[in-house]
Amino acid sequence: MLKKNIKLKVGLISLGCPKNLVDSEIMLGILNEAAFEITNDKAQADILIVNTCGFIDSAKKESIDAILEMADCKKGKCELLIVAGCLAERYRNQLAKSIPEIDALIGTGGYADIVKVIKEAYSSGKAESFPEQVDISYLNNRRIMSSDKGYAYLKIAEGCDNRCSYCVIPSLRGRYRSRRIEDIVKEAKILAALGKKEIILVSQDTTRYGIDLYKRQSLVKLIKKLSVIKGIEWIRLLYCYPEGIKDELIEEMKNNEKLCKYLDIPIQHISWKILKAMGRRGTGRDIEELIVKLRREVPEIVLRTSLIVGFPGESEADFKMLYDFVKHTEFDRLGVFTYSQEEGTKAALMKGQIQKRIKNKRYKSITKLQSSINNKKNSKRIGAECTVIIDGLTDDGKFYYGRTYGEAPDIDWLVFFASNKALKTGDIVFADIAGIE
């Protein structure tokens, strides 16, 4: 039973991508408004929430491990264990049956119901919220920031319409739904007032923004509105699908000083046979021409991509094509994943599933190649003067660390530099790079 006149303490563990982190911060904001106390100490929490990821095997394992760890806290002070997010949406019934310590489940459409679910769980012992994934007005709630860093993620849309054959996101998050420009701008102003100097625009496919709501790509229009907000110094784009990168966006990147010359372009592969099997739009030649164009039009641009090796039907010739492409292109940042056979996807039923040892071999081959590319590029940066946003100070107090426009938080490297004067987290300064890690 919910205790009257007692301020219950809530702890939240957020797993997975930055988009998931935004959802977690919104739940914290709703709980704060409802007079719950937020704690980072799981041992002191009356209620523990795990906001999960359920995208691929490694993410599912991390989520299950976190749930089991928090379930152990019910031997102590914890009274309620709530599991939210993608894993809850995907494995609703299995979780309830296999982990009896779970008191409540919240799907990806139910974040706004967090307080109602808590009250119901205290009243009835169990509770859940799995509304249809249509309404995204929950994104307009005030967030409690999980970090005091000088950046913040800003979710501009929810869901996905791309229907890649290997991906479960559309079934977990619903159709692509853009937020209104006015709502995004309002939130950005709040973030700026909190001292956030870098805002990072995220959605499943950022370049698709506005197609559903305004009947045309509206990302550039949004960027222009955000660029005039006082206090916002950097705007960064993540998850820009190659077919959505049009001349209008390239021109904006050339001419807008606040828009970081950085693009995260998840291409996944270069072989047309594999791209077609993946359900991706465009061809390998389209991707190659786009990269040439971006580097020609914006010479200082930093390009990041992600790849999948070991997709069903990937032959040695397909892999060599990918390897040679990576070697020739020399991406500035690159992440590679082995294909994960996910139930409920078209790719899981495809013929030609690749053996794990072959997938791992191809993964190591690409990783080793990219490592040599990274070392070559980074060695040229030592001693260079760059503009850096400060993320913190090393434990020994000798160096500040942060990022240039070419590094996104959490996924790219940190740069280190010294300063004779005291600096604050979030400051943007000129610095000579002493090291990269």
Foldseek 3Di string as FASTA:
>chain_A
DDDPPDAFEEEEAFDDDQVRVLLVQLLVLLSVVVRHHYDNDLLRGQEYEYAADDKFDVRVVVSVVVQVVSLVSCVHNHDAYEYEYQVCLVCVPVCVVPPVSHAEYEAPQRSNCVVVQVVCCVVPVHYYYDDDQDDPCSSLGDGDDPALFQEGEQEFWWADDLQFQQTCGCVRINYIDGDDLVSSLVVLLVSLVSRRQEYEYDYQALLCHPCVPPVDRCNLVSVVSNLPRPRHQAYEYERHELVSDDPSNLVCLLPRRRYQLEYEYAPAFACQVVCVNRSHPDHSVSVVVSLVVSCVSPVVHAYEYEYEPQQAPCDPVRLVVRLVCCLVSLHQYYHYYYRGLDPPGNSVPDHRRGDPVVSVVSRVSSVVSNVVSNVVVFVVQQQPKAKFQWGAADPVRAWTKTDGSNDDPPRAKIFIFGDPDDDDRGDIDIGHTHDID
